[in-house]
Amino acid sequence: MTDALQDTLQYEENTVKSCLSMIPLICRWYREHRRDLPWRQGKNAYHTWVSEIMLQQTRVEAVIPYYERFLSELPTVQALAACPEDRLLKLWEGLGYYNRVRNMQKAARIVTDGAGTELEKYFSGAPEIPGRQEETEIVKALLALPGIGNYTAGAIASIAFDLPVPAVDGNVLRVLSRVWGDNRDIMKQSVRRSYEQALEKAMRTVFSDKNTDVIQTEDSENNKSAQMVEYLLPGDLNQGFMDLGALVCIPNGSPLCGQCPLGERRLCRAHISGREQEFPVKEQKKARKIEHRTILLIHDGKKVVLRRRPEKGLLASMYEFPNYYGILNRKQVLQEVKDMGMNPVRVRKLEPSKHIFSHIEWHMTGYEVLMEENEGRTTGCLYQKPATSPWILAEAAEVRTKYAIPSAYEAYASLLGRMIDG
């Protein structure tokens, strides 16, 4: 055995031992400090699934009202499977990354169409807890669904089904990289996988049966200490990591090490050496591409021009205001509107706006265009070589309630009501 291989095996063994030491501490800390969140009210695989998909790329505080609205209209996986696409996108409006909800619906249809009957029973109300012999099959079935990767499968399996499966997200990567003083780039899949493997080995050891955590408490009535026994649960561990990373081992600024359950046991190498802010190690992201666009709010005082984006690509199938690559001047805007077969009455330049996607930034210049009423005409085309783009005249009052407008256009959508009313 080479020295390098021996060192690797020793490191892996040490990380597993570290996880074994952490698990009861994090489970106990979670029970005392857990955040009160709507998707944590009981065990429900569908609720866990919806919340985890929404929480990708979105802050917890922002997700809560969307989650509650979504569940009030689509309370079951069957309702999600049957929801019309326009309504589905409208319910998701503001959360962005719309392929997330499209994949959720594809997955819901697989679960409910007969081919996924084994999964359907687990997604209906309070989940049936699978036996140990079903664990692997359940996780495989979850991973086969569109939009579900290792993290989401682990979250559903552990939180809803009490299965010992890790859910490694950015919070877990950050906490463990600091605990282990790991200089590797956490954005590499090989590093993430090594974290998953260490946690999984430890979880299978700790949660192989109903393991208990003995907690010392005070019996105030008899003025003496007492012991309380609680079960250690895989879901508590994964959610404990989530909350520890969000509340204590925070990503920006100094971590609150004095509040960490691992600090007093001297389990965190970064804290012991005073190097907390050196971890995690991440390769610097490439600069986003900047794209200039001109946005037109064309209306006649009652109706506004919208078009639907292509079925594939960025913001697929969503409605938007007519827009063009580059920065158009007033004269060019007038010509574009006339080419649509409309008669512009007034053109007014609006404040610029910016929207950041994961890989691109839109820097937008906006114009309000008041046009003559188009009685009897409700559709047409934007002539943009090499292809045309169909447009519709939508009731301005319905834009907010009926049509899914991407949050990229929020600055202009919010102006629309004031323009029509004013």
Protein backbone atom coordinates (compact mmCIF):
# COMPACT_ATOMS: atom_id res chain seq x y z
CA MET A 1 0.00 0.00 0.00
CA THR A 2 1.43 3.38 -0.99
CA ASP A 3 1.85 6.15 1.56
CA ALA A 4 -0.61 8.35 -0.37
CA LEU A 5 -3.30 5.64 -0.32
CA GLN A 6 -2.68 4.97 3.34
CA ASP A 7 -3.05 8.68 4.13
CA THR A 8 -6.30 8.81 2.14
CA LEU A 9 -7.76 5.82 3.96
CA GLN A 10 -6.71 7.27 7.33
CA TYR A 11 -8.33 10.61 6.42
CA GLU A 12 -11.56 8.87 5.43
CA GLU A 13 -11.57 6.90 8.68
CA ASN A 14 -11.02 10.10 10.67
CA THR A 15 -13.87 11.92 8.93
CA VAL A 16 -16.26 9.06 9.70
CA LYS A 17 -15.19 9.11 13.37
CA SER A 18 -15.70 12.88 13.40
CA CYS A 19 -19.24 12.42 12.05
CA LEU A 20 -19.97 9.80 14.71
CA SER A 21 -19.00 12.32 17.40
CA MET A 22 -21.08 15.10 15.85
CA ILE A 23 -24.36 13.28 15.23
CA PRO A 24 -25.80 13.21 18.79
CA LEU A 25 -24.62 16.77 19.45
CA ILE A 26 -26.28 18.16 16.32
CA CYS A 27 -29.50 16.16 16.86
CA ARG A 28 -29.75 17.48 20.41
CA TRP A 29 -28.95 21.04 19.34
CA TYR A 30 -31.61 20.84 16.60
CA ARG A 31 -34.32 19.75 19.02
CA GLU A 32 -33.58 22.79 21.19
CA HIS A 33 -32.98 25.43 18.49
CA ARG A 34 -34.87 24.31 15.39
CA ARG A 35 -36.56 26.96 13.29
CA ASP A 36 -40.35 26.86 13.27
CA LEU A 37 -41.09 26.40 9.56
CA PRO A 38 -44.40 25.41 7.95
CA TRP A 39 -43.00 22.34 6.17
CA ARG A 40 -41.80 20.94 9.50
CA GLN A 41 -45.30 20.46 10.86
CA GLY A 42 -45.45 16.66 10.85
CA LYS A 43 -44.00 14.20 8.35
CA ASN A 44 -45.22 14.56 4.80
CA ALA A 45 -43.02 13.55 1.87
CA TYR A 46 -44.85 15.84 -0.58
CA HIS A 47 -44.45 18.87 1.71
CA THR A 48 -40.76 18.12 2.22
CA TRP A 49 -40.27 17.74 -1.52
CA VAL A 50 -42.00 21.03 -2.39
CA SER A 51 -40.10 22.96 0.29
CA GLU A 52 -36.71 21.56 -0.70
CA ILE A 53 -37.20 22.39 -4.37
CA MET A 54 -38.34 25.92 -3.49
CA LEU A 55 -35.38 26.42 -1.16
CA GLN A 56 -32.88 25.81 -3.95
CA GLN A 57 -31.32 29.21 -4.73
CA THR A 58 -33.93 30.98 -2.52
CA ARG A 59 -33.84 32.22 1.08
CA VAL A 60 -36.08 30.58 3.69
CA GLU A 61 -37.86 33.85 4.52
CA ALA A 62 -38.72 34.43 0.87
CA VAL A 63 -39.96 30.87 0.36
CA ILE A 64 -42.54 30.72 3.17
CA PRO A 65 -45.39 32.74 1.51
CA TYR A 66 -44.82 30.95 -1.83
CA TYR A 67 -44.87 27.58 -0.09
CA GLU A 68 -48.11 28.34 1.73
CA ARG A 69 -49.79 29.64 -1.45
CA PHE A 70 -48.59 26.66 -3.48
CA LEU A 71 -49.80 24.11 -0.92
CA SER A 72 -53.16 25.83 -0.47
CA GLU A 73 -53.88 25.40 -4.19
CA LEU A 74 -51.98 22.17 -4.84
CA PRO A 75 -52.22 20.26 -1.54
CA THR A 76 -51.37 16.82 -2.95
CA VAL A 77 -49.03 15.26 -5.48
CA GLN A 78 -52.12 14.38 -7.53
CA ALA A 79 -53.16 18.05 -7.67
CA LEU A 80 -49.66 19.02 -8.79
CA ALA A 81 -49.72 16.41 -11.54
CA ALA A 82 -53.06 17.71 -12.87
CA CYS A 83 -52.34 21.46 -12.68
CA PRO A 84 -52.43 23.36 -16.02
CA GLU A 85 -48.99 24.73 -16.95
CA ASP A 86 -50.04 28.40 -17.06
CA ARG A 87 -51.44 28.18 -13.54
CA LEU A 88 -48.41 26.25 -12.31
CA LEU A 89 -46.01 28.90 -13.62
CA LYS A 90 -48.18 31.64 -12.10
CA LEU A 91 -48.01 29.94 -8.69
CA TRP A 92 -44.22 29.79 -9.03
CA GLU A 93 -43.89 33.36 -10.27
CA GLY A 94 -41.24 35.24 -8.32
CA LEU A 95 -39.23 32.18 -7.29
CA GLY A 96 -37.33 31.97 -10.57
CA TYR A 97 -35.53 28.93 -11.98
CA TYR A 98 -38.81 27.74 -13.48
CA ASN A 99 -37.44 24.40 -14.65
CA ARG A 100 -37.61 23.40 -10.99
CA VAL A 101 -41.40 23.43 -10.96
CA ARG A 102 -41.66 21.94 -14.44
CA ASN A 103 -39.54 19.01 -13.29
CA MET A 104 -41.66 18.72 -10.15
CA GLN A 105 -44.76 18.32 -12.28
CA LYS A 106 -43.06 15.77 -14.54
CA ALA A 107 -42.05 13.83 -11.43
CA ALA A 108 -45.56 14.11 -9.95
CA ARG A 109 -47.03 12.64 -13.13
CA ILE A 110 -44.58 9.73 -12.98
CA VAL A 111 -45.50 9.12 -9.35
CA THR A 112 -49.25 9.17 -10.04
CA ASP A 113 -49.59 7.65 -13.52
CA GLY A 114 -49.34 4.02 -12.49
CA ALA A 115 -45.65 3.52 -13.21
CA GLY A 116 -44.83 5.11 -9.87
CA THR A 117 -47.46 3.39 -7.75
CA GLU A 118 -44.88 2.28 -5.19
CA LEU A 119 -43.86 5.89 -4.65
CA GLU A 120 -47.40 7.25 -4.71
CA LYS A 121 -48.29 5.58 -1.42
CA TYR A 122 -45.32 7.33 0.20
CA PHE A 123 -46.34 10.74 -1.14
CA SER A 124 -49.97 10.60 -0.03
CA GLY A 125 -50.50 12.34 3.31
CA ALA A 126 -48.57 11.03 6.30
CA PRO A 127 -46.01 8.75 4.64
CA GLU A 128 -45.83 5.04 5.18
CA ILE A 129 -42.39 4.41 6.64
CA PRO A 130 -40.51 1.95 4.44
CA GLY A 131 -38.80 -1.04 6.00
CA ARG A 132 -35.04 -1.40 5.97
CA GLN A 133 -35.19 -3.78 3.02
CA GLU A 134 -36.99 -1.07 1.00
CA GLU A 135 -34.50 1.71 1.74
CA THR A 136 -32.32 1.29 -1.32
CA GLU A 137 -35.31 0.93 -3.64
CA ILE A 138 -36.95 4.09 -2.27
CA VAL A 139 -33.80 6.18 -2.73
CA LYS A 140 -33.27 4.78 -6.24
CA ALA A 141 -36.86 5.59 -7.15
CA LEU A 142 -36.50 9.15 -5.84
CA LEU A 143 -33.25 9.68 -7.76
CA ALA A 144 -34.93 8.50 -10.96
CA LEU A 145 -37.47 11.34 -10.79
CA PRO A 146 -36.81 14.53 -12.83
CA GLY A 147 -35.26 17.32 -10.78
CA ILE A 148 -34.31 15.16 -7.78
CA GLY A 149 -30.61 14.71 -7.06
CA ASN A 150 -28.69 13.30 -4.12
CA TYR A 151 -29.48 16.21 -1.80
CA THR A 152 -33.25 16.31 -2.37
CA ALA A 153 -33.53 12.51 -2.28
CA GLY A 154 -31.61 12.50 1.00
CA ALA A 155 -33.80 15.22 2.49
CA ILE A 156 -37.05 13.42 1.59
CA ALA A 157 -35.74 10.00 2.64
CA SER A 158 -34.44 11.19 6.02
CA ILE A 159 -37.06 13.77 7.02
CA ALA A 160 -40.21 12.01 5.80
CA PHE A 161 -39.15 8.36 6.02
CA ASP A 162 -36.53 8.31 8.83
CA LEU A 163 -33.99 6.67 6.52
CA PRO A 164 -30.24 7.11 7.24
CA VAL A 165 -29.42 9.01 4.05
CA PRO A 166 -27.32 12.21 4.08
CA ALA A 167 -28.57 15.46 2.52
CA VAL A 168 -25.42 17.40 1.70
CA ASP A 169 -26.05 20.99 0.62
CA GLY A 170 -24.03 24.18 0.94
CA ASN A 171 -24.69 24.35 4.69
CA VAL A 172 -23.32 20.85 5.29
CA LEU A 173 -20.31 21.47 3.05
CA ARG A 174 -19.50 24.68 4.93
CA VAL A 175 -19.89 23.15 8.41
CA LEU A 176 -17.87 20.03 7.65
CA SER A 177 -15.13 21.86 5.76
CA ARG A 178 -14.61 24.03 8.86
CA VAL A 179 -14.84 21.12 11.28
CA TRP A 180 -12.26 19.14 9.30
CA GLY A 181 -10.16 22.14 8.23
CA ASP A 182 -10.49 20.80 4.69
CA ASN A 183 -8.48 22.73 2.09
CA ARG A 184 -10.18 21.02 -0.86
CA ASP A 185 -12.53 22.90 -3.19
CA ILE A 186 -16.06 22.08 -2.02
CA MET A 187 -17.45 22.87 -5.48
CA LYS A 188 -15.81 19.73 -6.88
CA GLN A 189 -18.12 16.74 -7.16
CA SER A 190 -15.42 14.42 -5.82
CA VAL A 191 -15.23 16.46 -2.60
CA ARG A 192 -19.00 16.58 -2.19
CA ARG A 193 -19.16 12.83 -2.75
CA SER A 194 -16.50 12.19 -0.10
CA TYR A 195 -18.57 14.21 2.40
CA GLU A 196 -21.68 12.21 1.50
CA GLN A 197 -19.83 8.92 1.93
CA ALA A 198 -18.41 9.85 5.34
CA LEU A 199 -21.81 10.98 6.59
CA GLU A 200 -23.58 7.96 5.17
CA LYS A 201 -21.22 5.52 6.89
CA ALA A 202 -21.65 7.32 10.20
CA MET A 203 -25.44 7.57 9.81
CA ARG A 204 -25.78 3.88 9.03
CA THR A 205 -23.84 3.12 12.20
CA VAL A 206 -25.78 5.49 14.45
CA PHE A 207 -29.22 4.95 12.94
CA SER A 208 -28.91 1.21 12.31
CA ASP A 209 -31.58 0.75 14.94
CA LYS A 210 -33.55 3.07 17.20
CA ASN A 211 -30.58 4.71 18.88
CA THR A 212 -31.27 6.93 21.85
CA ASP A 213 -29.84 10.12 23.23
CA VAL A 214 -29.87 10.41 27.02
CA ILE A 215 -30.42 14.01 28.07
CA GLN A 216 -29.90 15.29 31.61
CA THR A 217 -32.83 17.43 32.76
CA GLU A 218 -33.94 19.10 35.97
CA ASP A 219 -36.97 17.78 37.87
CA SER A 220 -38.08 21.06 39.47
CA GLU A 221 -40.91 19.43 41.46
CA ASN A 222 -38.57 17.09 43.35
CA ASN A 223 -35.53 19.38 43.07
CA LYS A 224 -33.30 16.73 41.55
CA SER A 225 -31.87 15.83 38.18
CA ALA A 226 -33.58 13.34 35.94
CA GLN A 227 -32.84 11.66 32.65
CA MET A 228 -34.94 11.89 29.52
CA VAL A 229 -34.47 9.48 26.64
CA GLU A 230 -35.13 10.64 23.07
CA TYR A 231 -34.67 8.80 19.81
CA LEU A 232 -32.01 10.01 17.41
CA LEU A 233 -33.57 10.57 13.99
CA PRO A 234 -31.83 10.96 10.60
CA GLY A 235 -34.13 13.84 9.69
CA ASP A 236 -33.12 15.72 12.83
CA LEU A 237 -29.47 15.38 11.86
CA ASN A 238 -29.93 16.67 8.29
CA GLN A 239 -32.19 19.52 9.39
CA GLY A 240 -29.79 20.23 12.24
CA PHE A 241 -26.98 20.71 9.73
CA MET A 242 -29.25 23.01 7.70
CA ASP A 243 -30.10 25.17 10.71
CA LEU A 244 -26.57 25.14 12.11
CA GLY A 245 -25.25 26.40 8.77
CA ALA A 246 -27.98 29.02 8.44
CA LEU A 247 -27.94 30.35 12.02
CA VAL A 248 -24.48 29.70 13.49
CA CYS A 249 -21.87 28.53 10.99
CA ILE A 250 -22.91 31.30 8.64
CA PRO A 251 -21.51 31.86 5.15
CA ASN A 252 -20.85 35.60 5.21
CA GLY A 253 -19.10 37.29 8.09
CA SER A 254 -17.78 35.65 11.23
CA PRO A 255 -19.43 32.39 12.33
CA LEU A 256 -21.03 32.46 15.78
CA CYS A 257 -18.71 29.83 17.24
CA GLY A 258 -19.78 30.51 20.82
CA GLN A 259 -23.25 29.17 19.96
CA CYS A 260 -22.01 26.05 18.16
CA PRO A 261 -22.59 22.67 19.85
CA LEU A 262 -19.32 21.39 18.34
CA GLY A 263 -17.09 24.16 19.69
CA GLU A 264 -17.18 23.21 23.36
CA ARG A 265 -16.14 19.64 22.45
CA ARG A 266 -13.22 21.00 20.42
CA LEU A 267 -14.39 19.15 17.32
CA CYS A 268 -13.83 22.04 14.90
CA ARG A 269 -10.29 22.40 13.56
CA ALA A 270 -10.96 25.77 11.96
CA HIS A 271 -12.15 27.19 15.29
CA ILE A 272 -9.29 25.67 17.28
CA SER A 273 -6.76 27.28 14.92
CA GLY A 274 -8.69 30.57 14.58
CA ARG A 275 -9.09 30.09 10.81
CA GLU A 276 -12.88 29.91 10.53
CA GLN A 277 -13.12 32.42 7.71
CA GLU A 278 -10.58 30.57 5.57
CA PHE A 279 -13.13 27.80 5.00
CA PRO A 280 -14.82 26.59 2.92
CA VAL A 281 -12.44 26.76 -0.02
CA LYS A 282 -14.22 27.61 -3.29
CA GLU A 283 -12.91 28.21 -6.76
CA GLN A 284 -13.82 31.72 -7.87
CA LYS A 285 -16.80 31.81 -10.21
CA LYS A 286 -16.47 33.08 -13.73
CA ALA A 287 -17.81 36.59 -14.29
CA ARG A 288 -21.38 36.67 -15.57
CA LYS A 289 -22.03 37.68 -19.15
CA ILE A 290 -23.73 41.09 -19.40
CA GLU A 291 -26.55 41.41 -21.90
CA HIS A 292 -28.24 44.72 -22.76
CA ARG A 293 -31.94 44.65 -23.55
CA THR A 294 -34.68 47.15 -24.35
CA ILE A 295 -38.08 46.48 -22.76
CA LEU A 296 -41.32 47.97 -24.14
CA LEU A 297 -44.43 48.46 -22.04
CA ILE A 298 -46.97 48.97 -24.84
CA HIS A 299 -50.54 49.65 -23.71
CA ASP A 300 -53.66 51.54 -24.70
CA GLY A 301 -54.84 52.40 -21.19
CA LYS A 302 -56.75 49.12 -20.82
CA LYS A 303 -54.71 46.41 -22.45
CA VAL A 304 -51.02 45.65 -22.62
CA VAL A 305 -48.93 43.79 -25.16
CA LEU A 306 -47.38 40.51 -23.98
CA ARG A 307 -45.66 37.71 -25.78
CA ARG A 308 -44.91 34.15 -24.79
CA ARG A 309 -41.32 32.96 -24.72
CA PRO A 310 -40.25 29.80 -26.58
CA GLU A 311 -40.98 26.41 -25.00
CA LYS A 312 -37.27 25.75 -24.43
CA GLY A 313 -34.45 27.82 -23.02
CA LEU A 314 -34.30 30.58 -20.42
CA LEU A 315 -37.71 31.43 -18.88
CA ALA A 316 -39.36 28.91 -21.21
CA SER A 317 -43.10 29.36 -21.97
CA MET A 318 -43.47 32.38 -19.70
CA TYR A 319 -45.07 35.68 -20.68
CA GLU A 320 -43.01 38.83 -21.04
CA PHE A 321 -43.13 42.36 -22.40
CA PRO A 322 -41.79 42.82 -25.94
CA ASN A 323 -38.04 43.22 -25.73
CA TYR A 324 -35.03 43.49 -27.99
CA TYR A 325 -31.31 42.84 -27.76
CA GLY A 326 -29.27 45.99 -27.36
CA ILE A 327 -30.24 49.53 -26.41
CA LEU A 328 -32.83 51.09 -28.70
CA ASN A 329 -33.33 54.85 -28.98
CA ARG A 330 -36.73 56.55 -29.18
CA LYS A 331 -36.79 56.56 -32.98
CA GLN A 332 -36.03 52.83 -33.14
CA VAL A 333 -38.73 52.09 -30.56
CA LEU A 334 -41.32 53.97 -32.61
CA GLN A 335 -40.38 52.01 -35.71
CA GLU A 336 -40.59 48.66 -33.92
CA VAL A 337 -44.07 49.48 -32.61
CA LYS A 338 -45.24 50.56 -36.06
CA ASP A 339 -43.85 47.33 -37.51
CA MET A 340 -46.15 45.48 -35.13
CA GLY A 341 -49.09 47.20 -36.84
CA MET A 342 -49.79 49.60 -33.98
CA ASN A 343 -50.12 53.36 -33.83
CA PRO A 344 -47.96 54.83 -31.06
CA VAL A 345 -49.26 58.03 -29.48
CA ARG A 346 -46.54 58.71 -26.90
CA VAL A 347 -43.17 57.26 -25.96
CA ARG A 348 -41.63 57.81 -22.54
CA LYS A 349 -38.30 56.51 -21.33
CA LEU A 350 -38.36 54.60 -18.03
CA GLU A 351 -35.75 54.04 -15.35
CA PRO A 352 -33.18 51.36 -16.19
CA SER A 353 -33.31 48.03 -14.38
CA LYS A 354 -31.02 45.07 -13.82
CA HIS A 355 -31.67 41.39 -13.18
CA ILE A 356 -29.09 38.77 -12.26
CA PHE A 357 -29.41 35.16 -13.36
CA SER A 358 -26.90 32.51 -12.31
CA HIS A 359 -24.81 32.92 -15.47
CA ILE A 360 -25.95 36.18 -17.05
CA GLU A 361 -26.99 39.74 -16.15
CA TRP A 362 -29.67 41.65 -17.99
CA HIS A 363 -29.12 45.40 -18.07
CA MET A 364 -32.45 46.76 -19.22
CA THR A 365 -33.58 50.04 -20.75
CA GLY A 366 -37.33 50.53 -20.64
CA TYR A 367 -39.89 52.57 -22.60
CA GLU A 368 -43.58 53.11 -21.98
CA VAL A 369 -45.47 53.28 -25.27
CA LEU A 370 -49.05 54.52 -25.27
CA MET A 371 -50.84 53.32 -28.40
CA GLU A 372 -54.22 53.93 -29.98
CA GLU A 373 -56.90 51.45 -28.98
CA ASN A 374 -56.85 48.32 -31.11
CA GLU A 375 -60.53 47.48 -31.18
CA GLY A 376 -61.14 43.90 -32.28
CA ARG A 377 -57.47 43.05 -32.60
CA THR A 378 -55.97 40.82 -29.92
CA THR A 379 -52.95 39.11 -31.51
CA GLY A 380 -50.09 39.75 -33.88
CA CYS A 381 -46.35 39.19 -34.32
CA LEU A 382 -43.13 40.88 -33.35
CA TYR A 383 -40.94 40.76 -36.41
CA GLN A 384 -37.52 39.75 -35.13
CA LYS A 385 -35.28 38.17 -37.69
CA PRO A 386 -34.85 35.30 -38.30
CA ALA A 387 -38.20 34.39 -36.71
CA THR A 388 -41.43 36.05 -35.69
CA SER A 389 -42.69 36.11 -32.11
CA PRO A 390 -46.46 36.11 -31.54
CA TRP A 391 -47.91 38.69 -29.20
CA ILE A 392 -51.27 39.11 -27.48
CA LEU A 393 -53.23 42.01 -26.05
CA ALA A 394 -53.93 41.15 -22.44
CA GLU A 395 -56.22 42.90 -20.02
CA ALA A 396 -53.88 44.98 -17.87
CA ALA A 397 -55.83 44.10 -14.73
CA GLU A 398 -55.19 40.38 -15.37
CA VAL A 399 -51.43 40.61 -15.88
CA ARG A 400 -50.74 40.13 -12.18
CA THR A 401 -53.31 37.38 -11.63
CA LYS A 402 -53.43 35.36 -14.85
CA TYR A 403 -50.10 35.59 -16.63
CA ALA A 404 -46.78 34.29 -15.29
CA ILE A 405 -44.35 37.19 -15.70
CA PRO A 406 -40.71 36.43 -14.73
CA SER A 407 -39.29 38.39 -11.81
CA ALA A 408 -36.68 39.72 -14.27
CA TYR A 409 -39.38 42.17 -15.39
CA GLU A 410 -40.63 43.06 -11.90
CA ALA A 411 -39.45 46.67 -12.12
CA TYR A 412 -41.60 47.20 -15.22
CA ALA A 413 -44.53 45.00 -14.18
CA SER A 414 -44.88 47.04 -10.98
CA LEU A 415 -45.08 50.24 -13.06
CA LEU A 416 -47.86 48.88 -15.21
CA GLY A 417 -50.64 49.26 -12.66
CA ARG A 418 -49.70 52.88 -11.96
CA MET A 419 -49.58 53.64 -15.68
CA ILE A 420 -53.03 52.21 -16.33
CA ASP A 421 -54.57 53.79 -13.23
CA GLY A 422 -52.90 57.10 -13.87
